[in-house]
Amino acid sequence: IALMFVPTAVLIPRYLVICNLGLIDNIWAHVLPLLAY
């Protein structure tokens, strides 16, 4: 099912996850959203 979603469709959920994890302005904010492909 995830194959059908483009990155733009999950932009808001990704931002909320990164924000809740406290990774804003953290180098790992570049890494974590792209680990699952």
PDB file of all heavy atoms in Angstrom:
ATOM      1  N   ILE A   1       0.835  -1.205   0.000  1.00  0.00           N
ATOM      2  CA  ILE A   1       0.000   0.000   0.000  1.00  0.00           C
ATOM      3  C   ILE A   1       0.870   1.256   0.000  1.00  0.00           C
ATOM      4  O   ILE A   1       0.558   2.257  -0.652  1.00  0.00           O
ATOM      5  CB  ILE A   1      -0.945  -0.007   1.216  1.00  0.00           C
ATOM      6  CG1 ILE A   1      -1.958  -1.150   1.089  1.00  0.00           C
ATOM      7  CG2 ILE A   1      -1.657   1.330   1.360  1.00  0.00           C
ATOM      8  CD1 ILE A   1      -2.830  -1.340   2.313  1.00  0.00           C
ATOM      9  N   ALA A   2       1.999   1.178   0.712  1.00  0.00           N
ATOM     10  CA  ALA A   2       2.901   2.332   0.791  1.00  0.00           C
ATOM     11  C   ALA A   2       3.486   2.691  -0.571  1.00  0.00           C
ATOM     12  O   ALA A   2       3.881   3.839  -0.790  1.00  0.00           O
ATOM     13  CB  ALA A   2       4.029   2.044   1.779  1.00  0.00           C
ATOM     14  N   LEU A   3       3.533   1.727  -1.479  1.00  0.00           N
ATOM     15  CA  LEU A   3       4.047   2.000  -2.824  1.00  0.00           C
ATOM     16  C   LEU A   3       3.178   3.016  -3.562  1.00  0.00           C
ATOM     17  O   LEU A   3       3.653   3.676  -4.495  1.00  0.00           O
ATOM     18  CB  LEU A   3       4.125   0.703  -3.635  1.00  0.00           C
ATOM     19  CG  LEU A   3       5.160  -0.339  -3.182  1.00  0.00           C
ATOM     20  CD1 LEU A   3       4.970  -1.634  -3.951  1.00  0.00           C
ATOM     21  CD2 LEU A   3       6.563   0.186  -3.370  1.00  0.00           C
ATOM     22  N   MET A   4       1.930   3.134  -3.176  1.00  0.00           N
ATOM     23  CA  MET A   4       1.005   4.019  -3.881  1.00  0.00           C
ATOM     24  C   MET A   4       1.106   5.471  -3.426  1.00  0.00           C
ATOM     25  O   MET A   4       0.566   6.360  -4.073  1.00  0.00           O
ATOM     26  CB  MET A   4      -0.443   3.535  -3.694  1.00  0.00           C
ATOM     27  CG  MET A   4      -0.701   2.136  -4.230  1.00  0.00           C
ATOM     28  SD  MET A   4      -2.436   1.673  -4.125  1.00  0.00           S
ATOM     29  CE  MET A   4      -2.675   1.636  -2.344  1.00  0.00           C
ATOM     30  N   PHE A   5       1.780   5.731  -2.317  1.00  0.00           N
ATOM     31  CA  PHE A   5       1.827   7.084  -1.766  1.00  0.00           C
ATOM     32  C   PHE A   5       3.075   7.820  -2.245  1.00  0.00           C
ATOM     33  O   PHE A   5       4.189   7.299  -2.148  1.00  0.00           O
ATOM     34  CB  PHE A   5       1.815   7.046  -0.236  1.00  0.00           C
ATOM     35  CG  PHE A   5       0.494   6.632   0.353  1.00  0.00           C
ATOM     36  CD1 PHE A   5       0.222   5.299   0.619  1.00  0.00           C
ATOM     37  CD2 PHE A   5      -0.478   7.579   0.618  1.00  0.00           C
ATOM     38  CE1 PHE A   5      -0.991   4.916   1.160  1.00  0.00           C
ATOM     39  CE2 PHE A   5      -1.707   7.205   1.161  1.00  0.00           C
ATOM     40  CZ  PHE A   5      -1.960   5.874   1.424  1.00  0.00           C
ATOM     41  N   VAL A   6       2.897   9.011  -2.737  1.00  0.00           N
ATOM     42  CA  VAL A   6       4.018   9.873  -3.094  1.00  0.00           C
ATOM     43  C   VAL A   6       4.476  10.609  -1.837  1.00  0.00           C
ATOM     44  O   VAL A   6       3.699  10.751  -0.875  1.00  0.00           O
ATOM     45  CB  VAL A   6       3.610  10.878  -4.195  1.00  0.00           C
ATOM     46  CG1 VAL A   6       3.267  10.150  -5.476  1.00  0.00           C
ATOM     47  CG2 VAL A   6       2.437  11.736  -3.739  1.00  0.00           C
ATOM     48  N   PRO A   7       5.723  11.095  -1.794  1.00  0.00           N
ATOM     49  CA  PRO A   7       6.211  11.776  -0.579  1.00  0.00           C
ATOM     50  C   PRO A   7       5.339  12.939  -0.131  1.00  0.00           C
ATOM     51  O   PRO A   7       5.183  13.186   1.066  1.00  0.00           O
ATOM     52  CB  PRO A   7       7.602  12.252  -1.007  1.00  0.00           C
ATOM     53  CG  PRO A   7       8.029  11.283  -2.058  1.00  0.00           C
ATOM     54  CD  PRO A   7       6.778  10.920  -2.799  1.00  0.00           C
ATOM     55  N   THR A   8       4.742  13.652  -1.080  1.00  0.00           N
ATOM     56  CA  THR A   8       3.918  14.805  -0.716  1.00  0.00           C
ATOM     57  C   THR A   8       2.711  14.395   0.120  1.00  0.00           C
ATOM     58  O   THR A   8       2.266  15.143   1.010  1.00  0.00           O
ATOM     59  CB  THR A   8       3.433  15.528  -1.992  1.00  0.00           C
ATOM     60  OG1 THR A   8       4.558  15.841  -2.804  1.00  0.00           O
ATOM     61  CG2 THR A   8       2.686  16.795  -1.651  1.00  0.00           C
ATOM     62  N   ALA A   9       2.182  13.197  -0.122  1.00  0.00           N
ATOM     63  CA  ALA A   9       0.984  12.739   0.594  1.00  0.00           C
ATOM     64  C   ALA A   9       1.255  12.469   2.068  1.00  0.00           C
ATOM     65  O   ALA A   9       0.337  12.517   2.888  1.00  0.00           O
ATOM     66  CB  ALA A   9       0.427  11.487  -0.076  1.00  0.00           C
ATOM     67  N   VAL A  10       2.507  12.181   2.409  1.00  0.00           N
ATOM     68  CA  VAL A  10       2.838  11.869   3.806  1.00  0.00           C
ATOM     69  C   VAL A  10       3.698  12.974   4.422  1.00  0.00           C
ATOM     70  O   VAL A  10       4.345  12.759   5.443  1.00  0.00           O
ATOM     71  CB  VAL A  10       3.576  10.518   3.902  1.00  0.00           C
ATOM     72  CG1 VAL A  10       2.666   9.386   3.477  1.00  0.00           C
ATOM     73  CG2 VAL A  10       4.839  10.513   3.053  1.00  0.00           C
ATOM     74  N   LEU A  11       3.707  14.135   3.799  1.00  0.00           N
ATOM     75  CA  LEU A  11       4.549  15.230   4.282  1.00  0.00           C
ATOM     76  C   LEU A  11       4.151  15.679   5.689  1.00  0.00           C
ATOM     77  O   LEU A  11       5.006  15.831   6.575  1.00  0.00           O
ATOM     78  CB  LEU A  11       4.469  16.410   3.313  1.00  0.00           C
ATOM     79  CG  LEU A  11       5.323  17.633   3.659  1.00  0.00           C
ATOM     80  CD1 LEU A  11       6.795  17.245   3.725  1.00  0.00           C
ATOM     81  CD2 LEU A  11       5.108  18.735   2.633  1.00  0.00           C
ATOM     82  N   ILE A  12       2.845  15.869   5.914  1.00  0.00           N
ATOM     83  CA  ILE A  12       2.387  16.335   7.230  1.00  0.00           C
ATOM     84  C   ILE A  12       2.632  15.285   8.316  1.00  0.00           C
ATOM     85  O   ILE A  12       3.162  15.622   9.393  1.00  0.00           O
ATOM     86  CB  ILE A  12       0.907  16.750   7.166  1.00  0.00           C
ATOM     87  CG1 ILE A  12       0.753  17.973   6.250  1.00  0.00           C
ATOM     88  CG2 ILE A  12       0.363  17.051   8.558  1.00  0.00           C
ATOM     89  CD1 ILE A  12      -0.685  18.429   6.059  1.00  0.00           C
ATOM     90  N   PRO A  13       2.266  14.004   8.113  1.00  0.00           N
ATOM     91  CA  PRO A  13       2.582  13.004   9.149  1.00  0.00           C
ATOM     92  C   PRO A  13       4.082  12.908   9.449  1.00  0.00           C
ATOM     93  O   PRO A  13       4.469  12.763  10.610  1.00  0.00           O
ATOM     94  CB  PRO A  13       2.058  11.698   8.537  1.00  0.00           C
ATOM     95  CG  PRO A  13       0.995  12.127   7.591  1.00  0.00           C
ATOM     96  CD  PRO A  13       1.455  13.425   7.025  1.00  0.00           C
ATOM     97  N   ARG A  14       4.903  13.005   8.418  1.00  0.00           N
ATOM     98  CA  ARG A  14       6.349  12.968   8.651  1.00  0.00           C
ATOM     99  C   ARG A  14       6.796  14.142   9.518  1.00  0.00           C
ATOM    100  O   ARG A  14       7.596  13.983  10.441  1.00  0.00           O
ATOM    101  CB  ARG A  14       7.103  12.991   7.322  1.00  0.00           C
ATOM    102  CG  ARG A  14       7.218  11.644   6.633  1.00  0.00           C
ATOM    103  CD  ARG A  14       8.066  11.767   5.385  1.00  0.00           C
ATOM    104  NE  ARG A  14       8.290  10.476   4.763  1.00  0.00           N
ATOM    105  CZ  ARG A  14       8.990  10.296   3.643  1.00  0.00           C
ATOM    106  NH1 ARG A  14       9.516  11.341   3.019  1.00  0.00           N
ATOM    107  NH2 ARG A  14       9.158   9.090   3.134  1.00  0.00           N
ATOM    108  N   TYR A  15       6.277  15.320   9.201  1.00  0.00           N
ATOM    109  CA  TYR A  15       6.668  16.498   9.979  1.00  0.00           C
ATOM    110  C   TYR A  15       6.244  16.342  11.437  1.00  0.00           C
ATOM    111  O   TYR A  15       7.004  16.694  12.354  1.00  0.00           O
ATOM    112  CB  TYR A  15       6.050  17.761   9.372  1.00  0.00           C
ATOM    113  CG  TYR A  15       6.371  19.004  10.160  1.00  0.00           C
ATOM    114  CD1 TYR A  15       7.588  19.651   9.993  1.00  0.00           C
ATOM    115  CD2 TYR A  15       5.469  19.509  11.098  1.00  0.00           C
ATOM    116  CE1 TYR A  15       7.896  20.781  10.734  1.00  0.00           C
ATOM    117  CE2 TYR A  15       5.766  20.632  11.843  1.00  0.00           C
ATOM    118  CZ  TYR A  15       6.979  21.274  11.658  1.00  0.00           C
ATOM    119  OH  TYR A  15       7.300  22.375  12.387  1.00  0.00           O
ATOM    120  N   LEU A  16       5.035  15.844  11.672  1.00  0.00           N
ATOM    121  CA  LEU A  16       4.558  15.671  13.038  1.00  0.00           C
ATOM    122  C   LEU A  16       5.419  14.676  13.805  1.00  0.00           C
ATOM    123  O   LEU A  16       5.715  14.879  14.987  1.00  0.00           O
ATOM    124  CB  LEU A  16       3.095  15.207  13.017  1.00  0.00           C
ATOM    125  CG  LEU A  16       2.078  16.225  12.493  1.00  0.00           C
ATOM    126  CD1 LEU A  16       0.688  15.606  12.425  1.00  0.00           C
ATOM    127  CD2 LEU A  16       2.063  17.479  13.358  1.00  0.00           C
ATOM    128  N   VAL A  17       5.837  13.595  13.122  1.00  0.00           N
ATOM    129  CA  VAL A  17       6.696  12.603  13.780  1.00  0.00           C
ATOM    130  C   VAL A  17       8.044  13.224  14.140  1.00  0.00           C
ATOM    131  O   VAL A  17       8.540  13.069  15.267  1.00  0.00           O
ATOM    132  CB  VAL A  17       6.886  11.372  12.871  1.00  0.00           C
ATOM    133  CG1 VAL A  17       7.955  10.449  13.441  1.00  0.00           C
ATOM    134  CG2 VAL A  17       5.576  10.614  12.718  1.00  0.00           C
ATOM    135  N   ILE A  18       8.648  13.913  13.180  1.00  0.00           N
ATOM    136  CA  ILE A  18       9.950  14.537  13.427  1.00  0.00           C
ATOM    137  C   ILE A  18       9.847  15.579  14.538  1.00  0.00           C
ATOM    138  O   ILE A  18      10.719  15.670  15.421  1.00  0.00           O
ATOM    139  CB  ILE A  18      10.483  15.188  12.134  1.00  0.00           C
ATOM    140  CG1 ILE A  18      10.790  14.125  11.078  1.00  0.00           C
ATOM    141  CG2 ILE A  18      11.729  16.015  12.419  1.00  0.00           C
ATOM    142  CD1 ILE A  18      11.873  13.157  11.466  1.00  0.00           C
ATOM    143  N   CYS A  19       8.768  16.350  14.515  1.00  0.00           N
ATOM    144  CA  CYS A  19       8.581  17.388  15.532  1.00  0.00           C
ATOM    145  C   CYS A  19       8.388  16.772  16.918  1.00  0.00           C
ATOM    146  O   CYS A  19       8.982  17.231  17.905  1.00  0.00           O
ATOM    147  CB  CYS A  19       7.388  18.262  15.158  1.00  0.00           C
ATOM    148  SG  CYS A  19       7.138  19.691  16.246  1.00  0.00           S
ATOM    149  N   ASN A  20       7.569  15.731  17.023  1.00  0.00           N
ATOM    150  CA  ASN A  20       7.319  15.089  18.320  1.00  0.00           C
ATOM    151  C   ASN A  20       8.545  14.373  18.862  1.00  0.00           C
ATOM    152  O   ASN A  20       8.678  14.201  20.077  1.00  0.00           O
ATOM    153  CB  ASN A  20       6.149  14.106  18.198  1.00  0.00           C
ATOM    154  CG  ASN A  20       4.816  14.810  17.995  1.00  0.00           C
ATOM    155  OD1 ASN A  20       4.624  15.932  18.460  1.00  0.00           O
ATOM    156  ND2 ASN A  20       3.892  14.161  17.302  1.00  0.00           N
ATOM    157  N   LEU A  21       9.424  13.949  17.978  1.00  0.00           N
ATOM    158  CA  LEU A  21      10.667  13.312  18.417  1.00  0.00           C
ATOM    159  C   LEU A  21      11.739  14.334  18.802  1.00  0.00           C
ATOM    160  O   LEU A  21      12.811  13.959  19.273  1.00  0.00           O
ATOM    161  CB  LEU A  21      11.214  12.404  17.310  1.00  0.00           C
ATOM    162  CG  LEU A  21      10.433  11.124  17.016  1.00  0.00           C
ATOM    163  CD1 LEU A  21      11.037  10.392  15.827  1.00  0.00           C
ATOM    164  CD2 LEU A  21      10.422  10.213  18.240  1.00  0.00           C
ATOM    165  N   GLY A  22      11.444  15.599  18.590  1.00  0.00           N
ATOM    166  CA  GLY A  22      12.398  16.647  18.945  1.00  0.00           C
ATOM    167  C   GLY A  22      13.604  16.701  18.022  1.00  0.00           C
ATOM    168  O   GLY A  22      14.710  17.041  18.468  1.00  0.00           O
ATOM    169  N   LEU A  23      13.404  16.368  16.749  1.00  0.00           N
ATOM    170  CA  LEU A  23      14.530  16.307  15.805  1.00  0.00           C
ATOM    171  C   LEU A  23      14.592  17.507  14.863  1.00  0.00           C
ATOM    172  O   LEU A  23      15.347  17.476  13.893  1.00  0.00           O
ATOM    173  CB  LEU A  23      14.435  15.014  14.982  1.00  0.00           C
ATOM    174  CG  LEU A  23      14.584  13.716  15.776  1.00  0.00           C
ATOM    175  CD1 LEU A  23      14.439  12.513  14.858  1.00  0.00           C
ATOM    176  CD2 LEU A  23      15.934  13.676  16.492  1.00  0.00           C
ATOM    177  N   ILE A  24      13.797  18.528  15.120  1.00  0.00           N
ATOM    178  CA  ILE A  24      13.908  19.737  14.304  1.00  0.00           C
ATOM    179  C   ILE A  24      15.306  20.336  14.504  1.00  0.00           C
ATOM    180  O   ILE A  24      15.794  20.457  15.631  1.00  0.00           O
ATOM    181  CB  ILE A  24      12.827  20.768  14.689  1.00  0.00           C
ATOM    182  CG1 ILE A  24      11.431  20.175  14.451  1.00  0.00           C
ATOM    183  CG2 ILE A  24      13.003  22.054  13.902  1.00  0.00           C
ATOM    184  CD1 ILE A  24      11.124  19.869  12.990  1.00  0.00           C
ATOM    185  N   ASP A  25      15.951  20.720  13.406  1.00  0.00           N
ATOM    186  CA  ASP A  25      17.327  21.231  13.421  1.00  0.00           C
ATOM    187  C   ASP A  25      18.305  20.193  13.974  1.00  0.00           C
ATOM    188  O   ASP A  25      19.281  20.539  14.653  1.00  0.00           O
ATOM    189  CB  ASP A  25      17.425  22.520  14.237  1.00  0.00           C
ATOM    190  CG  ASP A  25      16.934  23.738  13.467  1.00  0.00           C
ATOM    191  OD1 ASP A  25      16.853  23.665  12.217  1.00  0.00           O
ATOM    192  OD2 ASP A  25      16.619  24.755  14.099  1.00  0.00           O
ATOM    193  N   ASN A  26      18.035  18.934  13.673  1.00  0.00           N
ATOM    194  CA  ASN A  26      18.931  17.841  14.049  1.00  0.00           C
ATOM    195  C   ASN A  26      19.327  17.098  12.789  1.00  0.00           C
ATOM    196  O   ASN A  26      18.511  16.896  11.894  1.00  0.00           O
ATOM    197  CB  ASN A  26      18.227  16.898  15.036  1.00  0.00           C
ATOM    198  CG  ASN A  26      19.175  15.882  15.640  1.00  0.00           C
ATOM    199  OD1 ASN A  26      19.810  15.101  14.941  1.00  0.00           O
ATOM    200  ND2 ASN A  26      19.280  15.901  16.964  1.00  0.00           N
ATOM    201  N   ILE A  27      20.587  16.679  12.708  1.00  0.00           N
ATOM    202  CA  ILE A  27      21.080  16.022  11.496  1.00  0.00           C
ATOM    203  C   ILE A  27      20.318  14.739  11.203  1.00  0.00           C
ATOM    204  O   ILE A  27      20.178  14.316  10.045  1.00  0.00           O
ATOM    205  CB  ILE A  27      22.599  15.733  11.625  1.00  0.00           C
ATOM    206  CG1 ILE A  27      23.217  15.387  10.267  1.00  0.00           C
ATOM    207  CG2 ILE A  27      22.844  14.626  12.641  1.00  0.00           C
ATOM    208  CD1 ILE A  27      23.277  16.538   9.309  1.00  0.00           C
ATOM    209  N   TRP A  28      19.767  14.116  12.259  1.00  0.00           N
ATOM    210  CA  TRP A  28      19.027  12.866  12.062  1.00  0.00           C
ATOM    211  C   TRP A  28      17.658  13.089  11.432  1.00  0.00           C
ATOM    212  O   TRP A  28      17.006  12.145  11.008  1.00  0.00           O
ATOM    213  CB  TRP A  28      18.888  12.125  13.383  1.00  0.00           C
ATOM    214  CG  TRP A  28      20.202  11.596  13.860  1.00  0.00           C
ATOM    215  CD1 TRP A  28      21.003  12.137  14.812  1.00  0.00           C
ATOM    216  CD2 TRP A  28      20.888  10.443  13.374  1.00  0.00           C
ATOM    217  NE1 TRP A  28      22.148  11.387  14.953  1.00  0.00           N
ATOM    218  CE2 TRP A  28      22.100  10.344  14.094  1.00  0.00           C
ATOM    219  CE3 TRP A  28      20.591   9.487  12.413  1.00  0.00           C
ATOM    220  CZ2 TRP A  28      23.022   9.321  13.858  1.00  0.00           C
ATOM    221  CZ3 TRP A  28      21.505   8.460  12.186  1.00  0.00           C
ATOM    222  CH2 TRP A  28      22.697   8.391  12.899  1.00  0.00           C
ATOM    223  N   ALA A  29      17.226  14.341  11.354  1.00  0.00           N
ATOM    224  CA  ALA A  29      15.979  14.638  10.642  1.00  0.00           C
ATOM    225  C   ALA A  29      16.133  14.388   9.148  1.00  0.00           C
ATOM    226  O   ALA A  29      15.147  14.177   8.435  1.00  0.00           O
ATOM    227  CB  ALA A  29      15.566  16.089  10.883  1.00  0.00           C
ATOM    228  N   HIS A  30      17.381  14.406   8.659  1.00  0.00           N
ATOM    229  CA  HIS A  30      17.635  14.049   7.266  1.00  0.00           C
ATOM    230  C   HIS A  30      17.545  12.539   7.053  1.00  0.00           C
ATOM    231  O   HIS A  30      17.201  12.082   5.970  1.00  0.00           O
ATOM    232  CB  HIS A  30      19.042  14.506   6.844  1.00  0.00           C
ATOM    233  CG  HIS A  30      19.210  15.982   6.748  1.00  0.00           C
ATOM    234  ND1 HIS A  30      18.616  16.746   5.772  1.00  0.00           N
ATOM    235  CD2 HIS A  30      19.921  16.852   7.516  1.00  0.00           C
ATOM    236  CE1 HIS A  30      18.957  18.009   5.924  1.00  0.00           C
ATOM    237  NE2 HIS A  30      19.742  18.109   6.982  1.00  0.00           N
ATOM    238  N   VAL A  31      17.893  11.775   8.089  1.00  0.00           N
ATOM    239  CA  VAL A  31      18.081  10.327   7.941  1.00  0.00           C
ATOM    240  C   VAL A  31      16.799   9.540   8.178  1.00  0.00           C
ATOM    241  O   VAL A  31      16.395   8.724   7.331  1.00  0.00           O
ATOM    242  CB  VAL A  31      19.187   9.845   8.898  1.00  0.00           C
ATOM    243  CG1 VAL A  31      19.354   8.323   8.802  1.00  0.00           C
ATOM    244  CG2 VAL A  31      20.505  10.554   8.591  1.00  0.00           C
ATOM    245  N   LEU A  32      16.142   9.765   9.294  1.00  0.00           N
ATOM    246  CA  LEU A  32      15.024   8.912   9.709  1.00  0.00           C
ATOM    247  C   LEU A  32      13.878   8.838   8.696  1.00  0.00           C
ATOM    248  O   LEU A  32      13.351   7.746   8.454  1.00  0.00           O
ATOM    249  CB  LEU A  32      14.504   9.369  11.071  1.00  0.00           C
ATOM    250  CG  LEU A  32      15.447   9.164  12.261  1.00  0.00           C
ATOM    251  CD1 LEU A  32      14.781   9.618  13.558  1.00  0.00           C
ATOM    252  CD2 LEU A  32      15.863   7.705  12.378  1.00  0.00           C
ATOM    253  N   PRO A  33      13.454   9.939   8.072  1.00  0.00           N
ATOM    254  CA  PRO A  33      12.315   9.828   7.147  1.00  0.00           C
ATOM    255  C   PRO A  33      12.599   8.983   5.911  1.00  0.00           C
ATOM    256  O   PRO A  33      11.660   8.551   5.238  1.00  0.00           O
ATOM    257  CB  PRO A  33      12.042  11.287   6.748  1.00  0.00           C
ATOM    258  CG  PRO A  33      12.634  12.111   7.838  1.00  0.00           C
ATOM    259  CD  PRO A  33      13.838  11.350   8.280  1.00  0.00           C
ATOM    260  N   LEU A  34      13.877   8.722   5.610  1.00  0.00           N
ATOM    261  CA  LEU A  34      14.217   8.029   4.377  1.00  0.00           C
ATOM    262  C   LEU A  34      14.723   6.606   4.599  1.00  0.00           C
ATOM    263  O   LEU A  34      15.151   5.950   3.644  1.00  0.00           O
ATOM    264  CB  LEU A  34      15.289   8.824   3.610  1.00  0.00           C
ATOM    265  CG  LEU A  34      14.920  10.271   3.257  1.00  0.00           C
ATOM    266  CD1 LEU A  34      16.083  10.955   2.555  1.00  0.00           C
ATOM    267  CD2 LEU A  34      13.681  10.311   2.381  1.00  0.00           C
ATOM    268  N   LEU A  35      14.670   6.125   5.823  1.00  0.00           N
ATOM    269  CA  LEU A  35      15.188   4.777   6.091  1.00  0.00           C
ATOM    270  C   LEU A  35      14.319   3.696   5.462  1.00  0.00           C
ATOM    271  O   LEU A  35      14.830   2.701   4.950  1.00  0.00           O
ATOM    272  CB  LEU A  35      15.290   4.549   7.599  1.00  0.00           C
ATOM    273  CG  LEU A  35      16.402   5.298   8.330  1.00  0.00           C
ATOM    274  CD1 LEU A  35      16.393   4.938   9.805  1.00  0.00           C
ATOM    275  CD2 LEU A  35      17.764   4.998   7.714  1.00  0.00           C
ATOM    276  N   ALA A  36      13.009   3.869   5.516  1.00  0.00           N
ATOM    277  CA  ALA A  36      12.097   2.866   4.953  1.00  0.00           C
ATOM    278  C   ALA A  36      11.795   3.232   3.510  1.00  0.00           C
ATOM    279  O   ALA A  36      11.313   4.331   3.226  1.00  0.00           O
ATOM    280  CB  ALA A  36      10.808   2.805   5.768  1.00  0.00           C
ATOM    281  N   TYR A  37      12.083   2.283   2.596  1.00  0.00           N
ATOM    282  CA  TYR A  37      11.841   2.519   1.177  1.00  0.00           C
ATOM    283  C   TYR A  37      11.091   1.312   0.617  1.00  0.00           C
ATOM    284  O   TYR A  37      11.685   0.266   0.375  1.00  0.00           O
ATOM    285  CB  TYR A  37      13.160   2.733   0.445  1.00  0.00           C
ATOM    286  CG  TYR A  37      13.004   3.398  -0.905  1.00  0.00           C
ATOM    287  CD1 TYR A  37      12.000   4.321  -1.147  1.00  0.00           C
ATOM    288  CD2 TYR A  37      13.875   3.110  -1.942  1.00  0.00           C
ATOM    289  CE1 TYR A  37      11.866   4.936  -2.366  1.00  0.00           C
ATOM    290  CE2 TYR A  37      13.757   3.720  -3.184  1.00  0.00           C
ATOM    291  CZ  TYR A  37      12.738   4.638  -3.372  1.00  0.00           C
ATOM    292  OH  TYR A  37      12.596   5.248  -4.595  1.00  0.00           O
TER     293      TYR A  37
END
